[in-house]
C-alpha atoms as a PDB file:
ATOM      1  CA  MET A   1     253.020  72.246 239.985  1.00  0.00           C
ATOM      2  CA  LEU A   2     256.358  73.764 239.019  1.00  0.00           C
ATOM      3  CA  ALA A   3     257.784  77.247 239.417  1.00  0.00           C
ATOM      4  CA  ASP A   4     257.979  78.448 235.824  1.00  0.00           C
ATOM      5  CA  ALA A   5     258.448  77.482 232.171  1.00  0.00           C
ATOM      6  CA  GLN A   6     262.114  76.691 232.743  1.00  0.00           C
ATOM      7  CA  ALA A   7     261.220  74.261 235.514  1.00  0.00           C
ATOM      8  CA  VAL A   8     258.529  72.679 233.333  1.00  0.00           C
ATOM      9  CA  ALA A   9     261.064  72.178 230.549  1.00  0.00           C
ATOM     10  CA  ARG A  10     263.639  70.656 232.897  1.00  0.00           C
ATOM     11  CA  GLU A  11     261.132  68.200 234.344  1.00  0.00           C
ATOM     12  CA  ALA A  12     259.934  67.354 230.826  1.00  0.00           C
ATOM     13  CA  VAL A  13     263.482  66.443 229.821  1.00  0.00           C
ATOM     14  CA  ALA A  14     263.815  64.153 232.834  1.00  0.00           C
ATOM     15  CA  ARG A  15     260.596  62.337 231.936  1.00  0.00           C
ATOM     16  CA  ILE A  16     261.476  62.128 228.234  1.00  0.00           C
ATOM     17  CA  LEU A  17     264.808  60.499 229.090  1.00  0.00           C
ATOM     18  CA  GLU A  18     263.101  58.121 231.535  1.00  0.00           C
ATOM     19  CA  SER A  19     260.550  57.117 228.904  1.00  0.00           C
ATOM     20  CA  ALA A  20     263.256  56.673 226.275  1.00  0.00           C
ATOM     21  CA  SER A  21     265.350  54.498 228.566  1.00  0.00           C
ATOM     22  CA  GLY A  22     262.419  52.216 229.345  1.00  0.00           C
ATOM     23  CA  ALA A  23     261.347  51.899 225.700  1.00  0.00           C
ATOM     24  CA  LEU A  24     264.870  51.210 224.453  1.00  0.00           C
ATOM     25  CA  LYS A  25     265.409  48.530 227.073  1.00  0.00           C
ATOM     26  CA  ALA A  26     262.039  46.897 226.407  1.00  0.00           C
ATOM     27  CA  ARG A  27     261.758  47.186 222.631  1.00  0.00           C
ATOM     28  CA  GLY A  28     265.010  48.617 221.256  1.00  0.00           C
ATOM     29  CA  VAL A  29     263.241  51.682 219.869  1.00  0.00           C
ATOM     30  CA  PHE A  30     261.751  54.873 221.308  1.00  0.00           C
ATOM     31  CA  ARG A  31     258.917  56.349 219.258  1.00  0.00           C
ATOM     32  CA  TRP A  32     258.323  59.909 220.379  1.00  0.00           C
ATOM     33  CA  VAL A  33     255.792  62.499 219.152  1.00  0.00           C
ATOM     34  CA  LEU A  34     256.963  66.104 219.423  1.00  0.00           C
ATOM     35  CA  ALA A  35     254.967  69.307 219.886  1.00  0.00           C
ATOM     36  CA  GLY A  36     255.463  72.843 218.664  1.00  0.00           C
ATOM     37  CA  GLY A  37     255.565  75.888 220.930  1.00  0.00           C
ATOM     38  CA  GLY A  38     257.894  77.842 223.186  1.00  0.00           C
ATOM     39  CA  THR A  39     258.043  75.549 226.223  1.00  0.00           C
ATOM     40  CA  PRO A  40     258.621  72.403 224.129  1.00  0.00           C
ATOM     41  CA  ARG A  41     261.374  74.249 222.249  1.00  0.00           C
ATOM     42  CA  LEU A  42     263.091  75.035 225.536  1.00  0.00           C
ATOM     43  CA  ALA A  43     262.812  71.365 226.486  1.00  0.00           C
ATOM     44  CA  TYR A  44     264.370  70.296 223.182  1.00  0.00           C
ATOM     45  CA  GLU A  45     267.282  72.662 223.674  1.00  0.00           C
ATOM     46  CA  LEU A  46     267.890  71.273 227.165  1.00  0.00           C
ATOM     47  CA  LEU A  47     267.518  67.724 225.876  1.00  0.00           C
ATOM     48  CA  VAL A  48     270.283  68.230 223.315  1.00  0.00           C
ATOM     49  CA  GLN A  49     272.595  69.163 226.195  1.00  0.00           C
ATOM     50  CA  ALA A  50     271.486  66.201 228.331  1.00  0.00           C
ATOM     51  CA  ASN A  51     271.524  63.362 225.804  1.00  0.00           C
ATOM     52  CA  ARG A  52     274.340  62.182 223.567  1.00  0.00           C
ATOM     53  CA  ASP A  53     273.115  58.848 222.230  1.00  0.00           C
ATOM     54  CA  TRP A  54     270.169  59.069 219.825  1.00  0.00           C
ATOM     55  CA  ARG A  55     270.351  55.518 218.510  1.00  0.00           C
ATOM     56  CA  GLY A  56     266.911  53.927 218.495  1.00  0.00           C
ATOM     57  CA  TRP A  57     265.036  57.235 218.740  1.00  0.00           C
ATOM     58  CA  GLN A  58     262.294  57.807 216.149  1.00  0.00           C
ATOM     59  CA  PHE A  59     260.693  61.245 215.906  1.00  0.00           C
ATOM     60  CA  TYR A  60     257.115  62.042 214.874  1.00  0.00           C
ATOM     61  CA  LEU A  61     254.997  65.197 214.984  1.00  0.00           C
ATOM     62  CA  GLY A  62     251.660  65.840 216.665  1.00  0.00           C
ATOM     63  CA  ASP A  63     250.431  68.482 214.245  1.00  0.00           C
ATOM     64  CA  GLU A  64     251.536  70.699 211.419  1.00  0.00           C
ATOM     65  CA  ARG A  65     250.384  73.793 209.564  1.00  0.00           C
ATOM     66  CA  CYS A  66     249.594  73.472 205.862  1.00  0.00           C
ATOM     67  CA  LEU A  67     252.377  75.759 204.693  1.00  0.00           C
ATOM     68  CA  PRO A  68     255.427  75.319 202.417  1.00  0.00           C
ATOM     69  CA  PRO A  69     258.237  73.251 203.997  1.00  0.00           C
ATOM     70  CA  ASP A  70     260.491  76.305 204.372  1.00  0.00           C
ATOM     71  CA  ASP A  71     257.864  78.517 205.995  1.00  0.00           C
ATOM     72  CA  PRO A  72     259.110  79.756 209.398  1.00  0.00           C
ATOM     73  CA  GLU A  73     255.699  79.034 210.936  1.00  0.00           C
ATOM     74  CA  ARG A  74     256.024  75.303 210.338  1.00  0.00           C
ATOM     75  CA  ASN A  75     256.575  73.223 213.461  1.00  0.00           C
ATOM     76  CA  SER A  76     259.087  71.155 211.513  1.00  0.00           C
ATOM     77  CA  ARG A  77     261.266  74.236 210.992  1.00  0.00           C
ATOM     78  CA  MET A  78     261.448  74.896 214.733  1.00  0.00           C
ATOM     79  CA  LEU A  79     262.262  71.261 215.440  1.00  0.00           C
ATOM     80  CA  ASP A  80     264.987  71.265 212.829  1.00  0.00           C
ATOM     81  CA  GLN A  81     266.586  74.343 214.376  1.00  0.00           C
ATOM     82  CA  ALA A  82     266.181  73.440 218.049  1.00  0.00           C
ATOM     83  CA  LEU A  83     266.747  69.684 217.977  1.00  0.00           C
ATOM     84  CA  PHE A  84     267.487  67.820 214.767  1.00  0.00           C
ATOM     85  CA  ARG A  85     270.453  69.886 213.569  1.00  0.00           C
ATOM     86  CA  GLN A  86     271.873  70.398 217.042  1.00  0.00           C
ATOM     87  CA  ALA A  87     271.754  66.671 217.810  1.00  0.00           C
ATOM     88  CA  ALA A  88     272.771  65.596 214.279  1.00  0.00           C
ATOM     89  CA  ILE A  89     269.716  63.338 213.998  1.00  0.00           C
ATOM     90  CA  GLU A  90     269.780  61.070 210.948  1.00  0.00           C
ATOM     91  CA  GLN A  91     267.089  61.819 208.375  1.00  0.00           C
ATOM     92  CA  GLU A  92     265.688  58.272 208.497  1.00  0.00           C
ATOM     93  CA  GLN A  93     264.824  58.820 212.171  1.00  0.00           C
ATOM     94  CA  ILE A  94     262.612  61.849 211.390  1.00  0.00           C
ATOM     95  CA  HIS A  95     258.987  61.409 210.273  1.00  0.00           C
ATOM     96  CA  MET A  96     257.442  64.838 209.746  1.00  0.00           C
ATOM     97  CA  ILE A  97     253.910  65.528 208.503  1.00  0.00           C
ATOM     98  CA  PRO A  98     253.815  66.349 204.742  1.00  0.00           C
ATOM     99  CA  ALA A  99     251.404  69.249 205.291  1.00  0.00           C
ATOM    100  CA  GLN A 100     252.546  70.947 202.077  1.00  0.00           C
ATOM    101  CA  LEU A 101     250.422  68.345 200.261  1.00  0.00           C
ATOM    102  CA  GLY A 102     247.240  69.847 201.703  1.00  0.00           C
ATOM    103  CA  ALA A 103     245.145  68.777 204.658  1.00  0.00           C
ATOM    104  CA  GLU A 104     243.376  65.747 203.191  1.00  0.00           C
ATOM    105  CA  THR A 105     246.255  64.297 201.190  1.00  0.00           C
ATOM    106  CA  GLY A 106     248.847  65.006 203.864  1.00  0.00           C
ATOM    107  CA  ALA A 107     246.685  63.438 206.567  1.00  0.00           C
ATOM    108  CA  ALA A 108     246.154  60.284 204.500  1.00  0.00           C
ATOM    109  CA  VAL A 109     249.879  59.976 203.774  1.00  0.00           C
ATOM    110  CA  TYR A 110     250.844  60.473 207.411  1.00  0.00           C
ATOM    111  CA  ALA A 111     248.273  57.943 208.612  1.00  0.00           C
ATOM    112  CA  GLU A 112     250.056  55.326 206.518  1.00  0.00           C
ATOM    113  CA  THR A 113     253.443  56.536 207.794  1.00  0.00           C
ATOM    114  CA  ILE A 114     252.535  56.007 211.439  1.00  0.00           C
ATOM    115  CA  ARG A 115     250.213  53.003 211.174  1.00  0.00           C
ATOM    116  CA  ASN A 116     252.911  50.416 211.833  1.00  0.00           C
ATOM    117  CA  SER A 117     254.615  52.568 214.490  1.00  0.00           C
ATOM    118  CA  LEU A 118     251.744  52.574 216.959  1.00  0.00           C
ATOM    119  CA  PRO A 119     251.452  52.735 219.871  1.00  0.00           C
ATOM    120  CA  PHE A 120     253.770  55.678 220.392  1.00  0.00           C
ATOM    121  CA  ASP A 121     255.887  55.445 223.522  1.00  0.00           C
ATOM    122  CA  LEU A 122     255.521  59.127 224.433  1.00  0.00           C
ATOM    123  CA  VAL A 123     253.461  61.992 223.041  1.00  0.00           C
ATOM    124  CA  LEU A 124     254.358  65.548 224.017  1.00  0.00           C
ATOM    125  CA  LEU A 125     251.421  67.968 223.907  1.00  0.00           C
ATOM    126  CA  GLY A 126     250.553  71.522 224.811  1.00  0.00           C
ATOM    127  CA  LEU A 127     247.287  73.134 225.855  1.00  0.00           C
ATOM    128  CA  GLY A 128     246.006  76.228 224.080  1.00  0.00           C
ATOM    129  CA  GLU A 129     244.241  79.094 225.799  1.00  0.00           C
ATOM    130  CA  ASP A 130     241.051  78.003 224.036  1.00  0.00           C
ATOM    131  CA  GLY A 131     241.492  74.394 225.185  1.00  0.00           C
ATOM    132  CA  HIS A 132     242.930  72.949 221.987  1.00  0.00           C
ATOM    133  CA  THR A 133     245.741  70.433 221.906  1.00  0.00           C
ATOM    134  CA  ALA A 134     247.833  69.514 218.869  1.00  0.00           C
ATOM    135  CA  SER A 135     245.483  70.974 216.207  1.00  0.00           C
ATOM    136  CA  LEU A 136     242.315  69.523 217.706  1.00  0.00           C
ATOM    137  CA  PHE A 137     240.100  72.498 218.508  1.00  0.00           C
ATOM    138  CA  PRO A 138     237.011  72.853 220.722  1.00  0.00           C
ATOM    139  CA  GLY A 139     233.809  72.973 218.738  1.00  0.00           C
ATOM    140  CA  HIS A 140     235.254  70.852 215.916  1.00  0.00           C
ATOM    141  CA  GLU A 141     234.263  67.221 215.559  1.00  0.00           C
ATOM    142  CA  TYR A 142     236.818  64.583 214.590  1.00  0.00           C
ATOM    143  CA  ALA A 143     236.295  60.854 214.115  1.00  0.00           C
ATOM    144  CA  PRO A 144     237.076  59.312 217.523  1.00  0.00           C
ATOM    145  CA  ASP A 145     239.179  56.476 216.092  1.00  0.00           C
ATOM    146  CA  ALA A 146     241.033  58.415 213.359  1.00  0.00           C
ATOM    147  CA  LEU A 147     244.817  58.196 213.440  1.00  0.00           C
ATOM    148  CA  VAL A 148     245.378  61.486 211.593  1.00  0.00           C
ATOM    149  CA  VAL A 149     242.823  64.150 210.703  1.00  0.00           C
ATOM    150  CA  PRO A 150     242.676  67.062 208.255  1.00  0.00           C
ATOM    151  CA  VAL A 151     241.749  70.306 210.002  1.00  0.00           C
ATOM    152  CA  HIS A 152     239.968  73.217 208.327  1.00  0.00           C
ATOM    153  CA  ASP A 153     238.744  76.561 209.657  1.00  0.00           C
ATOM    154  CA  ALA A 154     241.133  76.554 212.588  1.00  0.00           C
ATOM    155  CA  PRO A 155     240.391  79.590 214.796  1.00  0.00           C
ATOM    156  CA  LYS A 156     244.014  80.717 214.541  1.00  0.00           C
ATOM    157  CA  PRO A 157     246.039  80.994 211.347  1.00  0.00           C
ATOM    158  CA  PRO A 158     246.637  79.178 209.161  1.00  0.00           C
ATOM    159  CA  PRO A 159     243.142  77.698 208.859  1.00  0.00           C
ATOM    160  CA  ASP A 160     244.283  74.427 207.283  1.00  0.00           C
ATOM    161  CA  ARG A 161     246.299  71.972 209.382  1.00  0.00           C
ATOM    162  CA  ILE A 162     246.937  68.298 209.981  1.00  0.00           C
ATOM    163  CA  SER A 163     246.804  66.703 213.417  1.00  0.00           C
ATOM    164  CA  LEU A 164     247.164  63.337 215.034  1.00  0.00           C
ATOM    165  CA  GLY A 165     243.659  62.179 215.856  1.00  0.00           C
ATOM    166  CA  TYR A 166     242.132  60.697 218.967  1.00  0.00           C
ATOM    167  CA  GLY A 167     242.819  57.177 217.734  1.00  0.00           C
ATOM    168  CA  ALA A 168     246.594  57.644 217.640  1.00  0.00           C
ATOM    169  CA  LEU A 169     246.724  59.778 220.794  1.00  0.00           C
ATOM    170  CA  SER A 170     244.547  57.485 222.889  1.00  0.00           C
ATOM    171  CA  SER A 171     246.666  54.449 222.045  1.00  0.00           C
ATOM    172  CA  ALA A 172     249.915  56.082 223.243  1.00  0.00           C
ATOM    173  CA  ARG A 173     251.734  54.520 226.158  1.00  0.00           C
ATOM    174  CA  GLN A 174     252.239  57.928 227.766  1.00  0.00           C
ATOM    175  CA  LEU A 175     251.011  61.494 227.184  1.00  0.00           C
ATOM    176  CA  LEU A 176     252.928  64.427 228.627  1.00  0.00           C
ATOM    177  CA  PHE A 177     251.275  67.863 228.609  1.00  0.00           C
ATOM    178  CA  LEU A 178     253.390  70.991 229.122  1.00  0.00           C
ATOM    179  CA  VAL A 179     251.296  73.945 230.322  1.00  0.00           C
ATOM    180  CA  ASN A 180     252.589  77.317 231.447  1.00  0.00           C
ATOM    181  CA  GLY A 181     251.428  80.922 231.727  1.00  0.00           C
ATOM    182  CA  THR A 182     248.383  82.624 233.198  1.00  0.00           C
ATOM    183  CA  GLY A 183     246.660  82.539 229.823  1.00  0.00           C
ATOM    184  CA  LYS A 184     246.386  78.749 230.085  1.00  0.00           C
ATOM    185  CA  HIS A 185     244.706  78.796 233.497  1.00  0.00           C
ATOM    186  CA  PRO A 186     241.080  78.913 232.225  1.00  0.00           C
ATOM    187  CA  ALA A 187     241.656  75.983 229.845  1.00  0.00           C
ATOM    188  CA  LEU A 188     243.440  73.934 232.504  1.00  0.00           C
ATOM    189  CA  SER A 189     240.637  74.674 234.974  1.00  0.00           C
ATOM    190  CA  ALA A 190     238.021  73.664 232.409  1.00  0.00           C
ATOM    191  CA  TRP A 191     239.827  70.368 231.820  1.00  0.00           C
ATOM    192  CA  ARG A 192     240.056  69.701 235.553  1.00  0.00           C
ATOM    193  CA  ALA A 193     236.345  70.439 235.873  1.00  0.00           C
ATOM    194  CA  GLY A 194     235.511  67.807 233.262  1.00  0.00           C
ATOM    195  CA  LYS A 195     234.513  70.166 230.462  1.00  0.00           C
ATOM    196  CA  ASP A 196     234.308  68.626 226.997  1.00  0.00           C
ATOM    197  CA  ILE A 197     237.494  69.987 225.439  1.00  0.00           C
ATOM    198  CA  PRO A 198     239.887  67.990 223.215  1.00  0.00           C
ATOM    199  CA  PRO A 199     242.330  66.874 225.953  1.00  0.00           C
ATOM    200  CA  ALA A 200     239.418  65.308 227.827  1.00  0.00           C
ATOM    201  CA  ARG A 201     238.554  63.195 224.792  1.00  0.00           C
ATOM    202  CA  ILE A 202     241.950  61.466 224.722  1.00  0.00           C
ATOM    203  CA  ALA A 203     241.521  58.090 226.406  1.00  0.00           C
ATOM    204  CA  ALA A 204     245.175  57.234 227.052  1.00  0.00           C
ATOM    205  CA  GLU A 205     245.918  55.343 230.267  1.00  0.00           C
ATOM    206  CA  ASP A 206     248.957  57.380 231.351  1.00  0.00           C
ATOM    207  CA  VAL A 207     248.359  61.130 231.104  1.00  0.00           C
ATOM    208  CA  GLN A 208     250.773  63.452 232.929  1.00  0.00           C
ATOM    209  CA  VAL A 209     250.518  67.236 233.174  1.00  0.00           C
ATOM    210  CA  LEU A 210     253.440  69.523 233.963  1.00  0.00           C
ATOM    211  CA  ALA A 211     252.054  72.970 234.792  1.00  0.00           C
ATOM    212  CA  ASP A 212     253.770  76.038 236.209  1.00  0.00           C
ATOM    213  CA  GLN A 213     252.327  78.115 239.043  1.00  0.00           C
ATOM    214  CA  ALA A 214     250.839  80.691 236.688  1.00  0.00           C
ATOM    215  CA  ALA A 215     248.875  78.099 234.728  1.00  0.00           C
ATOM    216  CA  ALA A 216     247.828  76.178 237.820  1.00  0.00           C
ATOM    217  CA  ASN A 217     246.778  79.139 239.925  1.00  0.00           C
ATOM    218  CA  GLY A 218     246.037  81.855 237.389  1.00  0.00           C
END
């Protein structure tokens, strides 16, 4: 348990750098899945200040909204502003979800993009107030072994999205959840209690949760 969102972001950066160092030493490449949201954005901004060598880093995305590429609500837009431009990441290192193609087509294309990159070294995830993670929502069924899934009728706009599926997430070497704010306390408590929400369906071996006091204690 950490003090606040700033502390969560700082600890996330430390663990990202640790994971990157281990992957680069072992395999010469660090394949990292990024998340959208305010706390991840803060972590990316701190990471740009902490890291100067991006050779060997490959960037992927956990989920995306089916909107035009220049829409400000796209996760890729936030990542471009907070990380890619600031760190001068080369375009060939960036593998964003082509959600502008529509949920089904974009999901199929991205599944082929990531197929030969699995398992990911690190996947960064958040936890929604309703218990969703990436764009996997409670009450929706997704094939348990799917690498990437089209999402329709999402309970928050836009309704159409694309998300990494349980197959890709469960195979990851490490999952790192960033959870902060009192609004996340019920979902975090439900997960701890063993409720059937999407994070509980991810069968990865190394799952770490960084939560602030508000999320942990409500």
